[in-house]
Protein backbone atom coordinates (compact mmCIF):
# COMPACT_ATOMS: atom_id res chain seq x y z
CA MET A 1 -12.72 -7.97 34.98
CA SER A 2 -15.27 -10.77 35.19
CA GLU A 3 -15.63 -14.24 33.72
CA ARG A 4 -17.62 -17.30 34.75
CA ILE A 5 -15.27 -20.29 34.71
CA THR A 6 -16.75 -23.69 33.92
CA PRO A 7 -15.17 -27.06 33.01
CA GLU A 8 -16.50 -26.59 29.50
CA SER A 9 -14.86 -23.19 29.01
CA GLY A 10 -12.43 -24.58 26.47
CA HIS A 11 -15.31 -25.52 24.16
CA ARG A 12 -17.32 -22.33 24.54
CA THR A 13 -17.34 -19.22 22.41
CA VAL A 14 -15.94 -16.33 24.42
CA LEU A 15 -15.66 -12.63 23.60
CA LEU A 16 -12.93 -10.65 25.36
CA ARG A 17 -13.38 -6.90 25.06
CA GLY A 18 -12.37 -3.58 26.53
CA GLY A 19 -8.63 -4.17 26.77
CA GLU A 20 -5.49 -4.29 24.65
CA VAL A 21 -4.90 -7.40 22.53
CA HIS A 22 -1.32 -7.95 21.39
CA SER A 23 -1.83 -9.23 17.85
CA PRO A 24 0.00 -8.70 14.56
CA ALA A 25 -3.35 -9.17 12.84
CA ASP A 26 -4.46 -5.79 14.22
CA PRO A 27 -1.99 -3.62 16.18
CA PHE A 28 -4.93 -1.60 17.54
CA ALA A 29 -7.04 -4.58 18.61
CA THR A 30 -9.05 -4.24 21.81
CA ALA A 31 -11.18 -7.37 21.51
CA MET A 32 -10.85 -11.06 20.66
CA VAL A 33 -13.21 -13.97 20.06
CA VAL A 34 -12.21 -17.50 21.10
CA GLU A 35 -14.14 -20.43 19.69
CA ARG A 36 -13.57 -24.14 20.34
CA GLY A 37 -10.10 -23.61 21.71
CA HIS A 38 -8.82 -21.35 18.92
CA VAL A 39 -8.68 -17.66 18.17
CA ALA A 40 -11.58 -16.87 15.84
CA TRP A 41 -11.26 -13.10 15.49
CA VAL A 42 -9.33 -10.06 16.74
CA GLY A 43 -10.37 -6.48 16.17
CA SER A 44 -11.73 -3.22 17.53
CA GLU A 45 -14.17 -2.57 20.35
CA GLY A 46 -16.75 -1.20 17.95
CA ALA A 47 -16.64 -4.26 15.72
CA ALA A 48 -16.96 -6.51 18.77
CA ASP A 49 -20.60 -5.51 19.14
CA ALA A 50 -21.45 -7.76 16.19
CA PHE A 51 -20.35 -10.80 18.22
CA ALA A 52 -21.91 -9.91 21.57
CA ASP A 53 -25.18 -11.77 21.08
CA GLY A 54 -23.68 -14.88 19.51
CA VAL A 55 -21.19 -15.89 22.20
CA ASP A 56 -21.58 -18.00 25.30
CA GLU A 57 -19.65 -15.58 27.45
CA VAL A 58 -18.29 -12.05 27.52
CA VAL A 59 -15.09 -11.20 29.38
CA HIS A 60 -14.77 -7.51 30.28
CA LEU A 61 -11.04 -6.84 30.34
CA GLU A 62 -11.30 -3.41 31.98
CA GLY A 63 -8.16 -2.21 30.25
CA ALA A 64 -6.07 -5.35 30.82
CA LEU A 65 -3.51 -6.57 28.27
CA VAL A 66 -3.99 -9.88 26.44
CA THR A 67 -0.89 -11.56 25.00
CA PRO A 68 0.03 -15.01 23.75
CA ALA A 69 0.91 -17.26 26.66
CA PHE A 70 4.62 -17.72 27.21
CA THR A 71 6.46 -20.91 26.35
CA ASP A 72 9.36 -21.89 28.59
CA ALA A 73 11.57 -23.89 26.25
CA HIS A 74 13.74 -25.61 28.89
CA VAL A 75 12.31 -26.85 32.19
CA HIS A 76 12.92 -29.69 34.65
CA THR A 77 9.40 -29.92 36.03
CA THR A 78 9.75 -32.30 38.96
CA ALA A 79 12.96 -30.66 40.15
CA THR A 80 11.23 -27.28 39.90
CA GLY A 81 8.35 -28.53 42.01
CA LEU A 82 10.68 -30.06 44.58
CA ALA A 83 12.51 -26.73 44.84
CA LEU A 84 9.20 -24.91 45.28
CA THR A 85 7.99 -27.28 47.98
CA GLY A 86 11.29 -28.30 49.57
CA LEU A 87 14.77 -27.06 50.36
CA ASP A 88 15.76 -24.13 48.15
CA LEU A 89 19.22 -22.69 48.86
CA SER A 90 19.24 -20.12 46.06
CA GLY A 91 18.60 -17.32 48.54
CA ALA A 92 21.33 -18.35 51.00
CA ARG A 93 23.74 -15.43 51.40
CA ASP A 94 26.62 -17.45 52.83
CA LEU A 95 27.64 -20.94 53.88
CA ASP A 96 26.42 -20.55 57.47
CA GLU A 97 22.95 -19.54 56.31
CA ALA A 98 22.85 -22.50 53.94
CA LEU A 99 23.67 -24.90 56.77
CA VAL A 100 20.94 -23.36 58.94
CA LEU A 101 18.43 -23.95 56.14
CA VAL A 102 19.62 -27.56 55.87
CA ARG A 103 19.09 -28.13 59.60
CA GLU A 104 15.61 -26.63 59.49
CA HIS A 105 14.64 -28.76 56.51
CA VAL A 106 15.96 -31.93 58.11
CA ALA A 107 13.92 -31.25 61.24
CA ALA A 108 10.79 -30.58 59.21
CA ARG A 109 11.03 -33.79 57.12
CA PRO A 110 11.57 -36.66 59.58
CA ASP A 111 10.07 -39.31 57.27
CA ASP A 112 11.92 -38.63 54.01
CA ARG A 113 14.17 -41.50 52.99
CA VAL A 114 16.54 -39.11 51.22
CA LEU A 115 16.55 -35.34 51.73
CA LEU A 116 16.74 -33.20 48.60
CA GLY A 117 17.86 -29.61 48.14
CA HIS A 118 18.96 -27.34 45.35
CA GLY A 119 20.36 -23.96 44.46
CA TRP A 120 23.56 -23.33 46.42
CA ASP A 121 26.11 -21.16 44.65
CA ALA A 122 29.40 -20.89 46.51
CA ALA A 123 30.74 -18.48 43.88
CA ARG A 124 28.44 -15.85 45.41
CA TRP A 125 29.34 -16.56 49.04
CA PRO A 126 32.10 -14.90 51.09
CA GLY A 127 35.00 -17.31 51.03
CA GLY A 128 33.65 -18.98 47.91
CA ARG A 129 33.51 -22.55 49.19
CA PRO A 130 30.68 -25.09 49.49
CA PRO A 131 30.07 -27.12 52.66
CA THR A 132 32.44 -29.94 53.42
CA ARG A 133 31.10 -33.45 53.80
CA ALA A 134 31.67 -33.27 57.56
CA GLU A 135 29.65 -30.05 57.79
CA LEU A 136 26.82 -31.59 55.80
CA ASP A 137 26.88 -34.79 57.86
CA GLU A 138 26.50 -32.73 61.02
CA ALA A 139 23.74 -30.49 59.62
CA ALA A 140 21.80 -33.48 58.27
CA GLY A 141 22.13 -35.48 61.48
CA GLY A 142 23.71 -38.39 59.64
CA ARG A 143 20.81 -38.75 57.15
CA PRO A 144 21.14 -39.12 53.36
CA LEU A 145 21.16 -35.67 51.77
CA TYR A 146 21.64 -34.52 48.16
CA LEU A 147 22.24 -30.82 47.43
CA SER A 148 22.66 -29.86 43.79
CA ARG A 149 24.57 -26.76 42.81
CA ILE A 150 22.53 -24.06 41.10
CA ASP A 151 23.58 -25.30 37.64
CA VAL A 152 22.74 -28.94 38.55
CA HIS A 153 26.07 -30.15 37.16
CA SER A 154 27.62 -30.86 40.53
CA ALA A 155 26.38 -31.62 44.02
CA VAL A 156 27.48 -31.98 47.61
CA VAL A 157 26.17 -35.01 49.50
CA THR A 158 26.37 -36.65 52.89
CA THR A 159 28.24 -39.82 53.73
CA ALA A 160 24.93 -41.58 54.34
CA LEU A 161 23.90 -40.97 50.72
CA LEU A 162 27.25 -42.18 49.39
CA ASP A 163 26.73 -45.38 51.36
CA LEU A 164 23.61 -46.03 49.24
CA VAL A 165 25.58 -45.92 45.97
CA PRO A 166 28.05 -48.85 45.75
CA GLY A 167 31.18 -48.14 43.76
CA VAL A 168 30.62 -44.39 43.52
CA ALA A 169 34.09 -43.68 44.94
CA ASP A 170 35.59 -45.26 41.82
CA ALA A 171 33.46 -43.26 39.38
CA ALA A 172 34.74 -40.36 37.29
CA GLY A 173 34.02 -37.09 39.02
CA PHE A 174 34.23 -38.41 42.58
CA HIS A 175 36.02 -36.19 45.08
CA ALA A 176 36.54 -37.17 48.68
CA ASP A 177 35.59 -33.76 50.04
CA ALA A 178 34.49 -31.56 47.14
CA PRO A 179 31.42 -31.42 44.89
CA LEU A 180 30.73 -34.51 42.81
CA THR A 181 30.61 -34.12 39.03
CA ALA A 182 30.28 -36.30 35.93
CA ASP A 183 29.50 -40.01 36.49
CA ALA A 184 29.73 -39.81 40.28
CA HIS A 185 27.19 -37.00 40.32
CA HIS A 186 24.87 -38.83 37.96
CA ALA A 187 24.98 -41.92 40.19
CA VAL A 188 24.13 -40.13 43.43
CA ARG A 189 21.46 -38.02 41.71
CA ALA A 190 19.80 -41.19 40.42
CA ALA A 191 19.85 -42.70 43.91
CA ALA A 192 18.40 -39.56 45.44
CA HIS A 193 15.61 -39.23 42.89
CA ALA A 194 14.78 -42.93 43.20
CA ALA A 195 13.81 -42.25 46.80
CA VAL A 196 11.08 -39.81 45.74
CA THR A 197 7.72 -41.54 46.08
CA PRO A 198 5.14 -41.40 43.27
CA ARG A 199 2.96 -39.16 45.44
CA GLN A 200 5.82 -36.75 46.16
CA ARG A 201 6.62 -36.68 42.47
CA ALA A 202 3.04 -35.95 41.43
CA ASP A 203 2.72 -33.23 44.07
CA ALA A 204 5.95 -31.63 42.85
CA GLN A 205 4.85 -31.77 39.21
CA ARG A 206 1.49 -30.20 40.01
CA ALA A 207 3.17 -27.47 42.05
CA ALA A 208 5.53 -26.64 39.20
CA LEU A 209 2.78 -26.53 36.57
CA ARG A 210 0.48 -24.47 38.78
CA HIS A 211 3.29 -22.01 39.38
CA ALA A 212 4.03 -21.82 35.66
CA ALA A 213 0.37 -21.12 34.88
CA SER A 214 0.29 -18.35 37.50
CA LEU A 215 3.06 -16.60 35.56
CA GLY A 216 1.29 -16.68 32.20
CA ILE A 217 3.19 -19.72 30.92
CA GLY A 218 1.03 -21.86 28.67
CA SER A 219 3.63 -24.42 27.54
CA VAL A 220 6.81 -25.92 28.95
CA HIS A 221 9.43 -28.08 27.28
CA GLU A 222 10.43 -30.80 29.70
CA CYS A 223 14.09 -31.76 29.26
CA ALA A 224 14.38 -35.25 30.69
CA GLY A 225 16.70 -38.21 30.31
CA PRO A 226 18.02 -41.33 31.99
CA THR A 227 20.66 -39.42 33.97
CA ILE A 228 18.36 -36.47 34.75
CA SER A 229 14.98 -37.65 36.00
CA GLY A 230 14.25 -41.17 34.76
CA GLU A 231 11.57 -42.84 32.67
CA ASP A 232 8.96 -43.10 35.42
CA ASP A 233 9.20 -39.40 36.12
CA PHE A 234 8.97 -38.52 32.43
CA THR A 235 5.98 -40.71 31.61
CA ALA A 236 4.16 -39.69 34.79
CA LEU A 237 4.56 -36.03 33.87
CA LEU A 238 3.27 -36.53 30.33
CA ARG A 239 0.32 -38.52 31.70
CA LEU A 240 -0.50 -35.88 34.31
CA ALA A 241 -0.34 -33.09 31.74
CA GLY A 242 -2.66 -35.04 29.47
CA GLU A 243 -5.23 -35.69 32.20
CA GLU A 244 -5.32 -32.42 34.14
CA ALA A 245 -5.87 -28.82 33.07
CA GLY A 246 -2.65 -26.85 33.02
CA PRO A 247 0.18 -25.76 30.77
CA ARG A 248 0.98 -27.95 27.80
CA VAL A 249 4.04 -30.18 28.31
CA VAL A 250 6.28 -31.02 25.35
CA GLY A 251 8.65 -33.79 26.42
CA TYR A 252 12.22 -34.31 25.26
CA TRP A 253 14.20 -37.43 26.12
CA ALA A 254 18.00 -37.13 26.10
CA GLU A 255 19.44 -40.54 25.32
CA GLN A 256 22.20 -41.09 22.79
CA GLY A 257 22.32 -43.14 19.60
CA ALA A 258 19.89 -45.44 17.82
CA GLU A 259 18.76 -47.14 21.04
CA GLY A 260 18.18 -43.79 22.70
CA VAL A 261 16.23 -42.53 19.71
CA ALA A 262 14.04 -45.65 19.78
CA ARG A 263 13.46 -45.17 23.50
CA ALA A 264 12.48 -41.54 22.98
CA ARG A 265 9.82 -42.63 20.51
CA GLU A 266 8.53 -45.33 22.85
CA LEU A 267 8.20 -42.82 25.68
CA GLY A 268 6.24 -40.35 23.57
CA ALA A 269 8.96 -37.71 23.38
CA ALA A 270 8.92 -34.95 20.81
CA GLY A 271 12.60 -35.53 20.20
CA ALA A 272 15.74 -37.32 21.32
CA ALA A 273 16.99 -33.99 22.51
CA GLY A 274 17.16 -31.57 25.41
CA ASP A 275 19.92 -32.19 27.93
CA LEU A 276 21.90 -34.71 25.89
CA PHE A 277 25.14 -33.59 27.45
CA VAL A 278 28.09 -32.67 25.27
CA ASP A 279 29.58 -30.90 28.28
CA GLY A 280 28.67 -29.56 31.71
CA ALA A 281 28.39 -26.03 33.09
CA LEU A 282 30.70 -23.08 33.64
CA GLY A 283 29.92 -22.68 37.32
CA SER A 284 30.97 -26.26 38.02
CA HIS A 285 34.08 -25.96 35.82
CA THR A 286 32.65 -28.70 33.60
CA ALA A 287 31.74 -26.77 30.44
CA TRP A 288 34.11 -27.84 27.63
CA LEU A 289 36.36 -24.96 26.59
CA SER A 290 38.91 -24.44 23.83
CA GLU A 291 41.14 -22.60 26.33
CA ASP A 292 41.76 -23.16 30.04
CA TYR A 293 39.58 -21.79 32.80
CA VAL A 294 41.34 -18.85 34.42
CA ASP A 295 40.48 -20.12 37.91
CA GLU A 296 40.43 -23.62 39.31
CA GLY A 297 38.22 -22.34 42.08
CA PRO A 298 37.66 -23.45 45.66
CA GLU A 299 34.61 -25.42 44.53
CA GLY A 300 37.08 -27.98 43.29
CA ALA A 301 35.10 -29.40 40.39
CA GLY A 302 37.37 -28.50 37.51
CA GLY A 303 38.39 -31.25 35.15
CA ALA A 304 36.70 -34.14 36.85
CA GLY A 305 35.67 -37.04 34.67
CA GLY A 306 34.47 -37.24 31.08
CA ILE A 307 36.25 -37.93 27.82
CA GLY A 308 38.25 -34.73 27.85
CA ALA A 309 38.70 -34.12 31.57
CA GLY A 310 41.16 -31.40 32.47
CA PRO A 311 41.56 -27.65 32.96
CA ARG A 312 39.31 -27.09 29.96
CA GLY A 313 36.34 -28.91 31.48
CA ASN A 314 34.53 -32.08 30.48
CA SER A 315 33.51 -33.50 27.13
CA TYR A 316 30.92 -36.25 27.11
CA LEU A 317 30.20 -36.56 23.38
CA THR A 318 32.48 -36.17 20.36
CA ALA A 319 31.55 -34.68 16.99
CA ALA A 320 31.29 -38.26 15.69
CA ASP A 321 28.81 -39.09 18.48
CA VAL A 322 26.75 -36.03 17.57
CA ALA A 323 26.72 -37.01 13.89
CA ALA A 324 25.62 -40.57 14.65
CA HIS A 325 22.81 -39.31 16.85
CA VAL A 326 21.51 -36.85 14.25
CA VAL A 327 21.59 -39.57 11.58
CA ALA A 328 19.67 -41.94 13.87
CA CYS A 329 17.05 -39.24 14.43
CA ALA A 330 16.82 -38.57 10.70
CA ASP A 331 16.18 -42.26 10.08
CA VAL A 332 12.92 -42.07 12.07
CA GLY A 333 12.01 -38.43 11.45
CA LEU A 334 12.71 -37.26 15.01
CA GLN A 335 14.19 -34.00 16.24
CA ALA A 336 17.67 -34.13 17.78
CA GLY A 337 19.21 -31.77 20.26
CA PHE A 338 22.18 -31.31 22.55
CA HIS A 339 23.26 -29.51 25.71
CA ALA A 340 26.36 -27.47 24.82
CA ILE A 341 27.70 -24.50 26.78
CA GLY A 342 31.46 -24.18 26.22
CA ASP A 343 32.89 -23.09 22.88
CA ALA A 344 34.55 -26.47 22.30
CA ALA A 345 31.23 -28.23 22.99
CA VAL A 346 29.34 -25.97 20.61
CA THR A 347 31.98 -26.57 17.93
CA ALA A 348 31.62 -30.34 18.40
CA VAL A 349 27.86 -30.02 17.88
CA VAL A 350 28.29 -27.92 14.74
CA ASP A 351 30.89 -30.29 13.31
CA GLY A 352 28.75 -33.31 14.10
CA VAL A 353 25.55 -31.88 12.61
CA ARG A 354 27.43 -30.80 9.49
CA ALA A 355 28.82 -34.33 9.12
CA ALA A 356 25.30 -35.71 9.48
CA ALA A 357 24.08 -33.28 6.81
CA GLU A 358 26.70 -34.62 4.43
CA LYS A 359 25.23 -38.09 4.93
CA VAL A 360 21.45 -37.45 5.01
CA GLY A 361 21.28 -34.15 3.15
CA LEU A 362 21.27 -30.55 4.34
CA ALA A 363 17.58 -30.08 3.54
CA ARG A 364 16.57 -32.91 5.92
CA VAL A 365 18.76 -31.54 8.67
CA ARG A 366 17.38 -28.02 8.31
CA ALA A 367 13.77 -29.25 8.18
CA ALA A 368 14.18 -31.10 11.49
CA ARG A 369 15.04 -27.88 13.39
CA HIS A 370 17.53 -29.62 15.66
CA ARG A 371 18.13 -27.80 18.93
CA VAL A 372 21.13 -26.67 20.92
CA GLU A 373 20.37 -26.01 24.57
CA HIS A 374 22.17 -23.08 26.26
CA ALA A 375 24.73 -22.38 23.48
CA GLU A 376 26.44 -19.76 25.61
CA MET A 377 29.97 -19.59 24.18
CA LEU A 378 29.50 -18.87 20.51
CA THR A 379 31.89 -17.53 17.90
CA PRO A 380 31.08 -15.82 14.59
CA GLU A 381 31.87 -19.15 12.90
CA THR A 382 29.52 -21.22 15.04
CA ILE A 383 26.77 -18.61 14.75
CA ALA A 384 27.06 -18.80 10.96
CA ALA A 385 26.94 -22.61 11.19
CA PHE A 386 23.74 -22.47 13.27
CA ALA A 387 22.13 -20.44 10.49
CA GLU A 388 23.47 -22.74 7.77
CA LEU A 389 22.25 -25.91 9.49
CA GLY A 390 18.90 -24.55 10.65
CA LEU A 391 19.72 -25.07 14.33
CA THR A 392 17.50 -23.51 17.00
CA ALA A 393 19.25 -21.84 19.91
CA SER A 394 17.29 -22.70 23.06
CA VAL A 395 18.74 -20.16 25.47
CA GLN A 396 18.26 -18.71 28.95
CA PRO A 397 18.71 -14.92 29.25
CA ALA A 398 18.48 -15.10 33.05
CA PHE A 399 21.91 -16.76 33.00
CA ASP A 400 23.44 -13.46 31.92
CA ALA A 401 21.40 -11.52 34.47
CA LEU A 402 22.64 -13.83 37.23
CA TRP A 403 26.23 -14.55 36.19
CA GLY A 404 27.22 -11.88 33.66
CA GLY A 405 28.95 -8.57 34.21
CA ALA A 406 32.48 -7.58 35.11
CA ASP A 407 32.31 -9.18 38.58
CA GLY A 408 30.08 -12.13 37.79
CA MET A 409 30.77 -15.84 37.73
CA TYR A 410 31.45 -15.82 33.98
CA ALA A 411 34.30 -13.35 34.45
CA GLN A 412 35.64 -15.37 37.38
CA ARG A 413 35.75 -18.55 35.33
CA LEU A 414 36.77 -17.16 31.94
CA GLY A 415 38.27 -13.71 32.44
CA ALA A 416 36.52 -10.49 31.46
CA GLU A 417 37.34 -10.63 27.75
CA ARG A 418 35.91 -14.09 27.10
CA ALA A 419 32.99 -13.44 29.46
CA ARG A 420 31.87 -10.49 27.33
CA THR A 421 31.33 -12.82 24.35
CA LEU A 422 28.74 -15.00 26.07
CA ASN A 423 25.08 -15.22 25.09
CA PRO A 424 25.25 -13.05 21.93
CA TYR A 425 21.53 -12.87 21.20
CA ALA A 426 21.69 -9.90 18.84
CA ALA A 427 24.29 -11.61 16.65
CA LEU A 428 22.18 -14.77 16.53
CA LEU A 429 19.12 -12.84 15.38
CA ARG A 430 21.11 -10.90 12.79
CA ALA A 431 22.30 -14.21 11.37
CA GLY A 432 18.74 -15.53 11.17
CA VAL A 433 19.12 -18.13 13.92
CA PRO A 434 15.78 -18.97 15.59
CA LEU A 435 15.71 -18.25 19.33
CA ALA A 436 13.57 -20.03 21.92
CA PHE A 437 13.76 -18.62 25.44
CA GLY A 438 13.51 -20.63 28.64
CA SER A 439 14.62 -20.72 32.25
CA ASP A 440 16.27 -24.12 32.80
CA SER A 441 14.21 -24.07 36.00
CA PRO A 442 15.12 -24.74 38.75
CA VAL A 443 18.55 -23.43 37.69
CA THR A 444 16.92 -20.02 37.32
CA PRO A 445 13.30 -19.39 38.30
CA LEU A 446 10.30 -19.45 36.03
CA ASP A 447 10.00 -15.73 35.27
CA PRO A 448 8.93 -14.95 31.69
CA TRP A 449 8.78 -11.15 31.82
CA GLY A 450 12.05 -11.14 33.77
CA THR A 451 13.54 -13.28 31.01
CA VAL A 452 12.40 -10.82 28.34
CA ARG A 453 13.88 -7.98 30.38
CA ALA A 454 17.18 -9.86 30.80
CA ALA A 455 17.54 -10.22 27.01
CA ALA A 456 16.56 -6.63 26.31
CA PHE A 457 18.94 -5.29 28.96
CA HIS A 458 21.76 -7.81 28.59
CA ARG A 459 24.80 -6.95 30.71
CA THR A 460 26.79 -6.66 27.48
CA PRO A 461 25.01 -3.93 25.47
CA ASP A 462 26.10 -5.30 22.08
CA HIS A 463 24.16 -8.51 22.78
CA ARG A 464 20.83 -6.81 23.59
CA VAL A 465 17.74 -7.40 21.47
CA SER A 466 14.53 -5.42 21.34
CA VAL A 467 11.78 -6.16 23.83
CA ARG A 468 9.60 -7.20 20.91
CA ALA A 469 12.20 -9.69 19.64
CA ALA A 470 12.71 -11.08 23.13
CA PHE A 471 8.97 -11.41 23.66
CA THR A 472 8.65 -13.26 20.36
CA ALA A 473 11.46 -15.64 21.34
CA HIS A 474 9.61 -16.45 24.57
CA THR A 475 6.22 -16.98 22.93
CA ARG A 476 6.27 -17.92 19.26
CA GLY A 477 9.90 -19.07 19.44
CA GLY A 478 9.07 -22.00 21.70
CA TRP A 479 6.36 -23.21 19.35
CA ARG A 480 8.63 -22.91 16.34
CA ALA A 481 11.26 -24.93 18.20
CA VAL A 482 8.86 -27.89 18.19
CA GLY A 483 7.95 -27.44 14.54
CA ARG A 484 4.76 -25.37 14.95
CA ASP A 485 4.62 -22.13 12.98
CA ASP A 486 0.90 -21.56 13.52
CA ALA A 487 0.94 -20.86 17.26
CA GLY A 488 2.33 -18.53 19.90
CA VAL A 489 0.60 -15.54 18.32
CA LEU A 490 -2.97 -14.25 18.59
CA VAL A 491 -4.29 -14.47 15.05
CA PRO A 492 -7.37 -16.24 13.68
CA GLY A 493 -6.83 -19.99 13.58
CA ALA A 494 -4.10 -20.08 16.23
CA PRO A 495 -4.54 -22.08 19.43
CA ALA A 496 -6.17 -19.94 22.12
CA ASP A 497 -3.23 -20.02 24.50
CA TYR A 498 -3.15 -16.57 26.05
CA ALA A 499 -2.58 -14.65 29.25
CA VAL A 500 -4.29 -11.56 30.65
CA TRP A 501 -2.13 -9.01 32.45
CA ARG A 502 -2.45 -6.02 34.73
CA THR A 503 0.21 -3.65 33.51
CA GLY A 504 1.10 -0.01 33.00
CA GLU A 505 1.12 1.98 29.81
CA LEU A 506 2.11 0.07 26.70
CA LEU A 507 5.12 1.28 24.79
CA VAL A 508 6.64 0.73 21.37
CA GLN A 509 10.40 0.41 21.21
CA ALA A 510 12.25 2.00 18.31
CA PRO A 511 13.06 -0.88 15.93
CA ASP A 512 16.80 -0.24 15.81
CA ASP A 513 17.25 0.68 19.46
CA ARG A 514 18.12 -2.16 21.81
CA VAL A 515 18.46 0.10 24.83
CA ALA A 516 15.47 2.21 25.82
CA ARG A 517 13.93 4.63 23.31
CA TRP A 518 10.20 4.22 23.62
CA SER A 519 7.08 5.72 22.09
CA THR A 520 3.38 5.69 22.92
CA ASP A 521 2.45 6.95 19.44
CA PRO A 522 -0.32 4.66 18.13
CA ARG A 523 0.56 5.61 14.58
CA SER A 524 3.55 3.28 14.81
CA GLY A 525 1.26 0.42 13.81
CA THR A 526 3.24 -1.92 16.06
CA PRO A 527 1.54 -3.68 19.01
CA GLY A 528 2.80 -2.22 22.26
CA LEU A 529 4.37 -4.08 25.16
CA PRO A 530 4.86 -3.20 28.83
CA ASP A 531 7.76 -1.04 29.97
CA LEU A 532 10.44 -3.52 31.07
CA SER A 533 13.16 -0.99 31.89
CA PRO A 534 15.17 -1.92 34.99
CA GLY A 535 13.21 -0.78 38.01
CA ALA A 536 9.85 -0.81 36.23
CA GLU A 537 7.17 -3.01 37.77
CA LEU A 538 6.63 -6.20 35.81
CA PRO A 539 3.13 -7.16 34.64
CA VAL A 540 0.95 -9.26 36.96
CA CYS A 541 -0.81 -12.27 35.48
CA LEU A 542 -4.57 -12.19 36.04
CA ARG A 543 -5.37 -15.39 34.21
CA THR A 544 -3.85 -17.95 31.87
CA VAL A 545 -5.82 -19.84 29.24
CA VAL A 546 -4.64 -22.93 27.34
CA GLY A 547 -6.63 -24.18 24.37
CA GLY A 548 -9.49 -21.92 25.42
CA GLN A 549 -9.62 -23.39 28.93
CA PRO A 550 -8.62 -21.27 31.94
CA VAL A 551 -5.79 -22.94 33.87
CA PHE A 552 -5.10 -20.07 36.26
CA VAL A 553 -7.30 -17.28 37.62
CA ARG A 554 -5.87 -14.84 40.15
CA PRO A 555 -8.15 -14.63 43.19
CA ASN A 556 -10.12 -11.46 43.84
CA GLU A 557 -9.60 -10.05 40.36
C-alpha cells in the first residue's frame, strides 16, 4: 500500500482502491473517494477508473480493509498518557511485584515532585490486599507517591503525600492504613495532579492521542471535571487537539448544578456530563447498591464517605440532585450525563431524569440525548426507562472481559447471581437504547477491536450482541452520543474519519446469532467484518485518517 503524506492531505482529493470498504452505501465496495475532508463516493473497483484522472492522489490498498475510525466514548486522556509513559501496575501479578515496580520507578524519576502510578488490582493478587502505607513509604523512599486503583475510585498513598494535603485525615473516605475513597481520595488526587508540570501534561496528552490514533481511533470523549483532572488540564487538552493533527477530542465537564453547567459552557465542553459521580465503583466497594455487598474485602474501602455510606456503597447525588442538574442543562440547551454503576445509582438517575422531564417536557429531555456512563447494574425497569427517556448508555465491554465470569471480581463483590445481570448489552439494544462503547482508559486500555470482541463474546451469553452491532456502537454510536447522526459511517457526505487495516478474511455473522455462526457468502449483502472469535488475531491498524488528514501511518507499510 502506498500514499504520499503531505500537510495538505486533508484538503486533497484522494482515491482509495483495491481493498474492502466497509460501507452500508455499497456492501461490495472496494474503492472510496475522499474530497475536502469528507467521503465523496464509495463503489466498485471498475467504477473507480472514472475518478483516477481527476484526483490528487491514489492510494492502492492492496486488499486492506477500510472502516470508519473508532470513537472511544469515555477516556481520561492525561491519565492515559501518564500510564503509558509512567508507572503502570496493571500487569503486576502480586503485591511483591508491584512494590518492585514502585522502587524502580522511584529510582528512575529523581526529579518528580510527586510520583504517580496507576492500575493495581489487589482483587487479582494472592492474598487480595493492597500495600500498606508503611510498605509504600519504604518502597518510595519517603517521597510523595499516589497510586490509583484500577477503577480510579480509590488509591493508596505515602505519608509524604498526605503531609501535602492539610485536613485530609478528617475527610470522608480517609482510612489510616487502607485505600482512600470519596472526599479523601479526591483531595489527594488533586494534590498529586497539581504537581504535574504543563510540559509533563502536554507530553502525556500527546502520548495518549498518538496511541489512540495508532489503534484506529479517530475520536475520543474526554471525561473531565474538577475532582478528576482540573480546568487547566481540560482546556490544555482541547487547545492541543485543536492545534495539532490527531484524533478529535469531544470534552465533557462533570460539575453539578447551574454553576457547574455555566462552567462547562465557559470551558467549551460539549456537555455538563461524563463522570458526574452518582456513585463509585464495584472494585472499590463504592458503587451504590440496593442490597449489601457480599464481601467487605481486604481492600477495606467499603462504605467510606458519601451521602449513603455503608455496606451498600456510596451515594454522591440524589434523584433530586440529578433532576436539578438536567433542568439546568435544559435551560441552556446543554447535554447532561452521570456516572452510575450500582443499581441504586442507576435508579436515582432514572428517577431524577424522569422528574426533570415532568418539568421541562419529555420531548426536550429525549432530544438532548443525556448520557449515563458505565450503567453496569441495570434491571428490566431501568432499561425500559432508558428507552423512554432517550438516555444513551456509554458503556465499557472490557469491564466484563476483565471482571466478569464465575470467579471474577463482580462475583466476589456481588455473588454469582447478581454478577450475571451486569452489562446486559443485548437487552439494551432490544429495548432500543443507544449504545456508545468506550474504554474508560486508563481503567482498561484503549483497544477498540478488543472492545468489540468483548461485547460479542460477553462472559454471560445472554448479554452478547452481534459483532456488527458492537462495531456500530464503537463507531457510529460515539458520534450519535454527541448528537451527530451523519458521521461514524462511510457514506457520501460523512466526515472522512477512517482507518485502514491489515486483517484476515472478512465474515458476515448470522443476524440472530450472537455466538459464532459466520458466512463468507457475498450474496448476504451485508458488509463483512474481521473474525473476532476468541483466539483469532485482531486487525492491525495501517493508518488512521481524521477529516481527510492522516494522523497515523504505520512505518514500513
